[in-house]
Amino acid sequence: ASGAGLATAPRGDVDLFDEDLGMARTLRGSLAYERRLSGG
C-alpha cells in the first residue's frame, strides 16, 4: 500500500521432472531358516 515492492519480477527457482520419471519401486527377497536346539 505504501508503493514499495517489486520493481521487476526477480528470477526464481525452476524445478523439473524427468520425462521418464516413475514412482519408487523396490524388489526384495528373503531366505529364512529356523531350528529348535537342545534345551528348548
All heavy atoms as atom14 arrays in JSON, in Angstrom:
{
  "sequence": "ASGAGLATAPRGDVDLFDEDLGMARTLRGSLAYERRLSGG",
  "atom14_mask": [
    [1, 1, 1, 1, 1, 0, 0, 0, 0, 0, 0, 0, 0, 0],
    [1, 1, 1, 1, 1, 1, 0, 0, 0, 0, 0, 0, 0, 0],
    [1, 1, 1, 1, 0, 0, 0, 0, 0, 0, 0, 0, 0, 0],
    [1, 1, 1, 1, 1, 0, 0, 0, 0, 0, 0, 0, 0, 0],
    [1, 1, 1, 1, 0, 0, 0, 0, 0, 0, 0, 0, 0, 0],
    [1, 1, 1, 1, 1, 1, 1, 1, 0, 0, 0, 0, 0, 0],
    [1, 1, 1, 1, 1, 0, 0, 0, 0, 0, 0, 0, 0, 0],
    [1, 1, 1, 1, 1, 1, 1, 0, 0, 0, 0, 0, 0, 0],
    [1, 1, 1, 1, 1, 0, 0, 0, 0, 0, 0, 0, 0, 0],
    [1, 1, 1, 1, 1, 1, 1, 0, 0, 0, 0, 0, 0, 0],
    [1, 1, 1, 1, 1, 1, 1, 1, 1, 1, 1, 0, 0, 0],
    [1, 1, 1, 1, 0, 0, 0, 0, 0, 0, 0, 0, 0, 0],
    [1, 1, 1, 1, 1, 1, 1, 1, 0, 0, 0, 0, 0, 0],
    [1, 1, 1, 1, 1, 1, 1, 0, 0, 0, 0, 0, 0, 0],
    [1, 1, 1, 1, 1, 1, 1, 1, 0, 0, 0, 0, 0, 0],
    [1, 1, 1, 1, 1, 1, 1, 1, 0, 0, 0, 0, 0, 0],
    [1, 1, 1, 1, 1, 1, 1, 1, 1, 1, 1, 0, 0, 0],
    [1, 1, 1, 1, 1, 1, 1, 1, 0, 0, 0, 0, 0, 0],
    [1, 1, 1, 1, 1, 1, 1, 1, 1, 0, 0, 0, 0, 0],
    [1, 1, 1, 1, 1, 1, 1, 1, 0, 0, 0, 0, 0, 0],
    [1, 1, 1, 1, 1, 1, 1, 1, 0, 0, 0, 0, 0, 0],
    [1, 1, 1, 1, 0, 0, 0, 0, 0, 0, 0, 0, 0, 0],
    [1, 1, 1, 1, 1, 1, 1, 1, 0, 0, 0, 0, 0, 0],
    [1, 1, 1, 1, 1, 0, 0, 0, 0, 0, 0, 0, 0, 0],
    [1, 1, 1, 1, 1, 1, 1, 1, 1, 1, 1, 0, 0, 0],
    [1, 1, 1, 1, 1, 1, 1, 0, 0, 0, 0, 0, 0, 0],
    [1, 1, 1, 1, 1, 1, 1, 1, 0, 0, 0, 0, 0, 0],
    [1, 1, 1, 1, 1, 1, 1, 1, 1, 1, 1, 0, 0, 0],
    [1, 1, 1, 1, 0, 0, 0, 0, 0, 0, 0, 0, 0, 0],
    [1, 1, 1, 1, 1, 1, 0, 0, 0, 0, 0, 0, 0, 0],
    [1, 1, 1, 1, 1, 1, 1, 1, 0, 0, 0, 0, 0, 0],
    [1, 1, 1, 1, 1, 0, 0, 0, 0, 0, 0, 0, 0, 0],
    [1, 1, 1, 1, 1, 1, 1, 1, 1, 1, 1, 1, 0, 0],
    [1, 1, 1, 1, 1, 1, 1, 1, 1, 0, 0, 0, 0, 0],
    [1, 1, 1, 1, 1, 1, 1, 1, 1, 1, 1, 0, 0, 0],
    [1, 1, 1, 1, 1, 1, 1, 1, 1, 1, 1, 0, 0, 0],
    [1, 1, 1, 1, 1, 1, 1, 1, 0, 0, 0, 0, 0, 0],
    [1, 1, 1, 1, 1, 1, 0, 0, 0, 0, 0, 0, 0, 0],
    [1, 1, 1, 1, 0, 0, 0, 0, 0, 0, 0, 0, 0, 0],
    [1, 1, 1, 1, 0, 0, 0, 0, 0, 0, 0, 0, 0, 0]
  ],
  "atom14_positions": [
    [[0.82, -1.21, 0.0], [0.0, 0.0, 0.0], [0.86, 1.26, 0.0], [0.43, 2.31, -0.48], [-0.93, -0.01, 1.21], [0.0, 0.0, 0.0], [0.0, 0.0, 0.0], [0.0, 0.0, 0.0], [0.0, 0.0, 0.0], [0.0, 0.0, 0.0], [0.0, 0.0, 0.0], [0.0, 0.0, 0.0], [0.0, 0.0, 0.0], [0.0, 0.0, 0.0]],
    [[2.09, 1.16, 0.48], [2.99, 2.32, 0.52], [3.59, 2.62, -0.84], [4.22, 3.67, -1.02], [4.11, 2.07, 1.52], [4.86, 0.93, 1.13], [0.0, 0.0, 0.0], [0.0, 0.0, 0.0], [0.0, 0.0, 0.0], [0.0, 0.0, 0.0], [0.0, 0.0, 0.0], [0.0, 0.0, 0.0], [0.0, 0.0, 0.0], [0.0, 0.0, 0.0]],
    [[3.46, 1.71, -1.79], [4.04, 1.9, -3.11], [5.35, 1.16, -3.3], [5.81, 1.0, -4.43], [0.0, 0.0, 0.0], [0.0, 0.0, 0.0], [0.0, 0.0, 0.0], [0.0, 0.0, 0.0], [0.0, 0.0, 0.0], [0.0, 0.0, 0.0], [0.0, 0.0, 0.0], [0.0, 0.0, 0.0], [0.0, 0.0, 0.0], [0.0, 0.0, 0.0]],
    [[5.97, 0.7, -2.21], [7.23, -0.04, -2.33], [6.93, -1.5, -2.65], [5.91, -2.05, -2.24], [8.02, 0.06, -1.03], [0.0, 0.0, 0.0], [0.0, 0.0, 0.0], [0.0, 0.0, 0.0], [0.0, 0.0, 0.0], [0.0, 0.0, 0.0], [0.0, 0.0, 0.0], [0.0, 0.0, 0.0], [0.0, 0.0, 0.0], [0.0, 0.0, 0.0]],
    [[7.83, -2.11, -3.41], [7.61, -3.51, -3.73], [8.54, -4.02, -4.78], [9.74, -3.67, -4.8], [0.0, 0.0, 0.0], [0.0, 0.0, 0.0], [0.0, 0.0, 0.0], [0.0, 0.0, 0.0], [0.0, 0.0, 0.0], [0.0, 0.0, 0.0], [0.0, 0.0, 0.0], [0.0, 0.0, 0.0], [0.0, 0.0, 0.0], [0.0, 0.0, 0.0]],
    [[8.04, -4.83, -5.7], [8.84, -5.49, -6.72], [8.88, -4.63, -7.97], [7.89, -4.54, -8.71], [8.25, -6.87, -7.04], [8.09, -7.82, -5.85], [7.4, -9.09, -6.29], [9.43, -8.14, -5.23], [0.0, 0.0, 0.0], [0.0, 0.0, 0.0], [0.0, 0.0, 0.0], [0.0, 0.0, 0.0], [0.0, 0.0, 0.0], [0.0, 0.0, 0.0]],
    [[10.0, -3.99, -8.19], [10.13, -3.17, -9.4], [10.12, -4.05, -10.64], [9.48, -3.77, -11.64], [11.41, -2.34, -9.34], [0.0, 0.0, 0.0], [0.0, 0.0, 0.0], [0.0, 0.0, 0.0], [0.0, 0.0, 0.0], [0.0, 0.0, 0.0], [0.0, 0.0, 0.0], [0.0, 0.0, 0.0], [0.0, 0.0, 0.0], [0.0, 0.0, 0.0]],
    [[10.87, -5.16, -10.6], [10.86, -6.16, -11.68], [10.74, -7.53, -11.05], [11.2, -7.75, -9.93], [12.16, -6.08, -12.49], [13.28, -6.3, -11.63], [12.3, -4.72, -13.17], [0.0, 0.0, 0.0], [0.0, 0.0, 0.0], [0.0, 0.0, 0.0], [0.0, 0.0, 0.0], [0.0, 0.0, 0.0], [0.0, 0.0, 0.0], [0.0, 0.0, 0.0]],
    [[10.14, -8.42, -11.77], [9.98, -9.78, -11.25], [11.34, -10.46, -11.15], [12.03, -10.61, -12.16], [9.07, -10.58, -12.16], [0.0, 0.0, 0.0], [0.0, 0.0, 0.0], [0.0, 0.0, 0.0], [0.0, 0.0, 0.0], [0.0, 0.0, 0.0], [0.0, 0.0, 0.0], [0.0, 0.0, 0.0], [0.0, 0.0, 0.0], [0.0, 0.0, 0.0]],
    [[11.78, -10.84, -9.96], [13.1, -11.48, -9.82], [13.08, -12.9, -10.38], [12.04, -13.52, -10.49], [13.32, -11.48, -8.31], [11.94, -11.52, -7.74], [11.08, -10.72, -8.68], [0.0, 0.0, 0.0], [0.0, 0.0, 0.0], [0.0, 0.0, 0.0], [0.0, 0.0, 0.0], [0.0, 0.0, 0.0], [0.0, 0.0, 0.0], [0.0, 0.0, 0.0]],
    [[14.27, -13.35, -10.73], [14.39, -14.72, -11.2], [14.25, -15.67, -10.02], [14.98, -15.56, -9.04], [15.76, -14.92, -11.89], [15.94, -14.11, -13.16], [14.97, -14.56, -14.23], [15.21, -13.87, -15.49], [15.53, -14.5, -16.63], [15.62, -15.81, -16.63], [15.72, -13.82, -17.72], [0.0, 0.0, 0.0], [0.0, 0.0, 0.0], [0.0, 0.0, 0.0]],
    [[13.34, -16.59, -10.12], [13.13, -17.52, -9.02], [13.73, -18.88, -9.3], [14.77, -19.0, -9.96], [0.0, 0.0, 0.0], [0.0, 0.0, 0.0], [0.0, 0.0, 0.0], [0.0, 0.0, 0.0], [0.0, 0.0, 0.0], [0.0, 0.0, 0.0], [0.0, 0.0, 0.0], [0.0, 0.0, 0.0], [0.0, 0.0, 0.0], [0.0, 0.0, 0.0]],
    [[13.07, -19.93, -8.83], [13.6, -21.27, -8.98], [12.8, -22.05, -10.02], [11.62, -21.78, -10.25], [13.59, -22.01, -7.64], [12.17, -22.13, -7.09], [11.61, -21.1, -6.73], [11.65, -23.25, -7.05], [0.0, 0.0, 0.0], [0.0, 0.0, 0.0], [0.0, 0.0, 0.0], [0.0, 0.0, 0.0], [0.0, 0.0, 0.0], [0.0, 0.0, 0.0]],
    [[13.45, -23.01, -10.64], [12.83, -23.89, -11.63], [13.04, -25.33, -11.16], [14.17, -25.75, -10.94], [13.45, -23.7, -13.03], [12.79, -24.65, -14.02], [13.3, -22.27, -13.49], [0.0, 0.0, 0.0], [0.0, 0.0, 0.0], [0.0, 0.0, 0.0], [0.0, 0.0, 0.0], [0.0, 0.0, 0.0], [0.0, 0.0, 0.0], [0.0, 0.0, 0.0]],
    [[11.95, -26.05, -10.98], [12.01, -27.45, -10.57], [11.39, -28.3, -11.67], [10.25, -28.06, -12.08], [11.28, -27.67, -9.25], [11.94, -26.91, -8.11], [13.14, -27.14, -7.88], [11.27, -26.08, -7.46], [0.0, 0.0, 0.0], [0.0, 0.0, 0.0], [0.0, 0.0, 0.0], [0.0, 0.0, 0.0], [0.0, 0.0, 0.0], [0.0, 0.0, 0.0]],
    [[12.14, -29.29, -12.13], [11.74, -30.09, -13.27], [11.6, -31.56, -12.9], [12.23, -32.04, -11.95], [12.78, -29.96, -14.4], [13.12, -28.54, -14.86], [14.29, -28.57, -15.83], [11.9, -27.88, -15.49], [0.0, 0.0, 0.0], [0.0, 0.0, 0.0], [0.0, 0.0, 0.0], [0.0, 0.0, 0.0], [0.0, 0.0, 0.0], [0.0, 0.0, 0.0]],
    [[10.76, -32.27, -13.65], [10.64, -33.71, -13.55], [11.15, -34.33, -14.85], [10.8, -33.86, -15.94], [9.18, -34.13, -13.34], [8.6, -33.72, -12.03], [7.72, -32.66, -11.95], [8.93, -34.4, -10.87], [7.18, -32.27, -10.74], [8.4, -34.02, -9.66], [7.52, -32.95, -9.59], [0.0, 0.0, 0.0], [0.0, 0.0, 0.0], [0.0, 0.0, 0.0]],
    [[11.98, -35.34, -14.72], [12.42, -36.05, -15.91], [11.21, -36.64, -16.63], [10.26, -37.1, -16.0], [13.39, -37.16, -15.51], [13.99, -37.87, -16.7], [14.94, -37.33, -17.28], [13.48, -38.96, -17.04], [0.0, 0.0, 0.0], [0.0, 0.0, 0.0], [0.0, 0.0, 0.0], [0.0, 0.0, 0.0], [0.0, 0.0, 0.0], [0.0, 0.0, 0.0]],
    [[11.24, -36.6, -17.97], [10.07, -37.05, -18.73], [9.76, -38.52, -18.53], [8.62, -38.96, -18.73], [10.28, -36.76, -20.23], [11.48, -37.48, -20.84], [11.66, -37.15, -22.31], [10.8, -36.41, -22.84], [12.63, -37.62, -22.92], [0.0, 0.0, 0.0], [0.0, 0.0, 0.0], [0.0, 0.0, 0.0], [0.0, 0.0, 0.0], [0.0, 0.0, 0.0]],
    [[10.75, -39.3, -18.09], [10.53, -40.73, -17.83], [10.45, -41.04, -16.34], [10.61, -42.2, -15.93], [11.65, -41.56, -18.47], [11.68, -41.43, -19.98], [10.6, -41.37, -20.59], [12.8, -41.36, -20.55], [0.0, 0.0, 0.0], [0.0, 0.0, 0.0], [0.0, 0.0, 0.0], [0.0, 0.0, 0.0], [0.0, 0.0, 0.0], [0.0, 0.0, 0.0]],
    [[10.2, -40.02, -15.52], [10.19, -40.21, -14.07], [9.08, -41.16, -13.65], [7.93, -41.05, -14.09], [10.0, -38.87, -13.36], [10.11, -38.9, -11.83], [11.56, -39.12, -11.42], [9.57, -37.62, -11.22], [0.0, 0.0, 0.0], [0.0, 0.0, 0.0], [0.0, 0.0, 0.0], [0.0, 0.0, 0.0], [0.0, 0.0, 0.0], [0.0, 0.0, 0.0]],
    [[9.42, -42.12, -12.8], [8.44, -43.07, -12.29], [8.44, -43.06, -10.78], [9.33, -42.51, -10.13], [0.0, 0.0, 0.0], [0.0, 0.0, 0.0], [0.0, 0.0, 0.0], [0.0, 0.0, 0.0], [0.0, 0.0, 0.0], [0.0, 0.0, 0.0], [0.0, 0.0, 0.0], [0.0, 0.0, 0.0], [0.0, 0.0, 0.0], [0.0, 0.0, 0.0]],
    [[7.44, -43.69, -10.19], [7.36, -43.79, -8.75], [8.43, -44.77, -8.23], [8.98, -45.56, -8.99], [5.97, -44.26, -8.33], [4.85, -43.3, -8.72], [5.08, -41.66, -8.01], [4.8, -42.01, -6.27], [0.0, 0.0, 0.0], [0.0, 0.0, 0.0], [0.0, 0.0, 0.0], [0.0, 0.0, 0.0], [0.0, 0.0, 0.0], [0.0, 0.0, 0.0]],
    [[8.7, -44.68, -6.93], [9.7, -45.57, -6.33], [9.22, -47.02, -6.38], [8.06, -47.32, -6.08], [9.96, -45.15, -4.89], [0.0, 0.0, 0.0], [0.0, 0.0, 0.0], [0.0, 0.0, 0.0], [0.0, 0.0, 0.0], [0.0, 0.0, 0.0], [0.0, 0.0, 0.0], [0.0, 0.0, 0.0], [0.0, 0.0, 0.0], [0.0, 0.0, 0.0]],
    [[10.12, -47.92, -6.77], [9.82, -49.35, -6.84], [10.95, -50.14, -6.2], [12.13, -49.82, -6.4], [9.62, -49.8, -8.28], [8.39, -49.19, -8.96], [8.24, -49.71, -10.39], [9.41, -49.38, -11.2], [9.96, -50.2, -12.08], [9.5, -51.43, -12.23], [11.0, -49.81, -12.8], [0.0, 0.0, 0.0], [0.0, 0.0, 0.0], [0.0, 0.0, 0.0]],
    [[10.6, -51.17, -5.46], [11.58, -51.96, -4.72], [11.37, -53.45, -4.99], [10.23, -53.94, -4.97], [11.46, -51.69, -3.21], [11.64, -50.3, -2.96], [12.49, -52.47, -2.44], [0.0, 0.0, 0.0], [0.0, 0.0, 0.0], [0.0, 0.0, 0.0], [0.0, 0.0, 0.0], [0.0, 0.0, 0.0], [0.0, 0.0, 0.0], [0.0, 0.0, 0.0]],
    [[12.46, -54.16, -5.22], [12.44, -55.62, -5.34], [13.18, -56.19, -4.13], [14.33, -55.84, -3.88], [13.14, -56.05, -6.63], [13.24, -57.57, -6.86], [11.84, -58.17, -7.02], [14.09, -57.86, -8.1], [0.0, 0.0, 0.0], [0.0, 0.0, 0.0], [0.0, 0.0, 0.0], [0.0, 0.0, 0.0], [0.0, 0.0, 0.0], [0.0, 0.0, 0.0]],
    [[12.49, -57.05, -3.39], [13.07, -57.55, -2.14], [12.83, -59.05, -2.05], [11.74, -59.54, -2.35], [12.46, -56.83, -0.95], [12.97, -57.27, 0.41], [12.45, -56.35, 1.51], [13.06, -55.03, 1.41], [12.38, -53.89, 1.46], [11.07, -53.9, 1.56], [13.02, -52.73, 1.39], [0.0, 0.0, 0.0], [0.0, 0.0, 0.0], [0.0, 0.0, 0.0]],
    [[13.86, -59.77, -1.63], [13.74, -61.21, -1.43], [14.39, -61.63, -0.13], [15.37, -61.01, 0.31], [0.0, 0.0, 0.0], [0.0, 0.0, 0.0], [0.0, 0.0, 0.0], [0.0, 0.0, 0.0], [0.0, 0.0, 0.0], [0.0, 0.0, 0.0], [0.0, 0.0, 0.0], [0.0, 0.0, 0.0], [0.0, 0.0, 0.0], [0.0, 0.0, 0.0]],
    [[13.86, -62.65, 0.52], [14.4, -63.09, 1.8], [14.44, -64.62, 1.85], [13.65, -65.31, 1.21], [13.55, -62.56, 2.97], [12.25, -63.11, 2.93], [0.0, 0.0, 0.0], [0.0, 0.0, 0.0], [0.0, 0.0, 0.0], [0.0, 0.0, 0.0], [0.0, 0.0, 0.0], [0.0, 0.0, 0.0], [0.0, 0.0, 0.0], [0.0, 0.0, 0.0]],
    [[15.39, -65.12, 2.64], [15.54, -66.54, 2.88], [15.77, -66.74, 4.37], [16.72, -66.17, 4.93], [16.72, -67.11, 2.08], [17.02, -68.6, 2.29], [15.84, -69.44, 1.79], [18.31, -68.99, 1.57], [0.0, 0.0, 0.0], [0.0, 0.0, 0.0], [0.0, 0.0, 0.0], [0.0, 0.0, 0.0], [0.0, 0.0, 0.0], [0.0, 0.0, 0.0]],
    [[14.88, -67.47, 5.01], [14.94, -67.64, 6.47], [15.05, -69.11, 6.84], [14.55, -69.99, 6.12], [13.71, -67.01, 7.12], [0.0, 0.0, 0.0], [0.0, 0.0, 0.0], [0.0, 0.0, 0.0], [0.0, 0.0, 0.0], [0.0, 0.0, 0.0], [0.0, 0.0, 0.0], [0.0, 0.0, 0.0], [0.0, 0.0, 0.0], [0.0, 0.0, 0.0]],
    [[15.7, -69.38, 7.97], [15.86, -70.74, 8.47], [15.65, -70.73, 9.98], [16.2, -69.86, 10.69], [17.25, -71.27, 8.14], [17.53, -72.66, 8.69], [16.98, -73.79, 8.11], [18.36, -72.81, 9.8], [17.23, -75.05, 8.61], [18.63, -74.07, 10.31], [18.06, -75.19, 9.72], [18.31, -76.43, 10.22], [0.0, 0.0, 0.0], [0.0, 0.0, 0.0]],
    [[14.88, -71.66, 10.48], [14.6, -71.77, 11.91], [14.84, -73.2, 12.38], [14.46, -74.15, 11.69], [13.16, -71.35, 12.21], [12.79, -71.43, 13.69], [11.38, -70.94, 13.95], [11.06, -69.8, 13.54], [10.6, -71.71, 14.56], [0.0, 0.0, 0.0], [0.0, 0.0, 0.0], [0.0, 0.0, 0.0], [0.0, 0.0, 0.0], [0.0, 0.0, 0.0]],
    [[15.47, -73.32, 13.55], [15.77, -74.66, 14.07], [15.65, -74.65, 15.59], [16.12, -73.71, 16.26], [17.19, -75.09, 13.67], [17.56, -76.5, 14.13], [18.95, -76.86, 13.67], [19.33, -78.19, 14.1], [19.06, -79.31, 13.46], [18.38, -79.25, 12.32], [19.46, -80.48, 13.91], [0.0, 0.0, 0.0], [0.0, 0.0, 0.0], [0.0, 0.0, 0.0]],
    [[15.04, -75.69, 16.11], [14.92, -75.84, 17.56], [16.11, -76.64, 18.08], [16.34, -77.78, 17.67], [13.61, -76.55, 17.92], [13.37, -76.66, 19.43], [11.98, -77.2, 19.71], [10.95, -76.29, 19.22], [10.47, -75.26, 19.92], [10.96, -75.01, 21.14], [9.53, -74.49, 19.42], [0.0, 0.0, 0.0], [0.0, 0.0, 0.0], [0.0, 0.0, 0.0]],
    [[16.88, -76.03, 18.98], [18.07, -76.66, 19.55], [17.73, -77.32, 20.87], [16.59, -77.26, 21.35], [19.16, -75.61, 19.74], [19.53, -74.76, 18.51], [20.56, -73.72, 18.88], [20.02, -75.64, 17.37], [0.0, 0.0, 0.0], [0.0, 0.0, 0.0], [0.0, 0.0, 0.0], [0.0, 0.0, 0.0], [0.0, 0.0, 0.0], [0.0, 0.0, 0.0]],
    [[18.72, -77.96, 21.46], [18.51, -78.6, 22.76], [18.22, -77.56, 23.82], [18.67, -76.41, 23.74], [19.75, -79.41, 23.14], [20.88, -78.57, 23.22], [0.0, 0.0, 0.0], [0.0, 0.0, 0.0], [0.0, 0.0, 0.0], [0.0, 0.0, 0.0], [0.0, 0.0, 0.0], [0.0, 0.0, 0.0], [0.0, 0.0, 0.0], [0.0, 0.0, 0.0]],
    [[17.45, -77.97, 24.81], [17.12, -77.05, 25.89], [15.98, -76.11, 25.56], [15.74, -75.14, 26.28], [0.0, 0.0, 0.0], [0.0, 0.0, 0.0], [0.0, 0.0, 0.0], [0.0, 0.0, 0.0], [0.0, 0.0, 0.0], [0.0, 0.0, 0.0], [0.0, 0.0, 0.0], [0.0, 0.0, 0.0], [0.0, 0.0, 0.0], [0.0, 0.0, 0.0]],
    [[15.29, -76.36, 24.45], [14.16, -75.51, 24.09], [14.56, -74.18, 23.48], [13.72, -73.27, 23.39], [0.0, 0.0, 0.0], [0.0, 0.0, 0.0], [0.0, 0.0, 0.0], [0.0, 0.0, 0.0], [0.0, 0.0, 0.0], [0.0, 0.0, 0.0], [0.0, 0.0, 0.0], [0.0, 0.0, 0.0], [0.0, 0.0, 0.0], [0.0, 0.0, 0.0]]
  ]
}
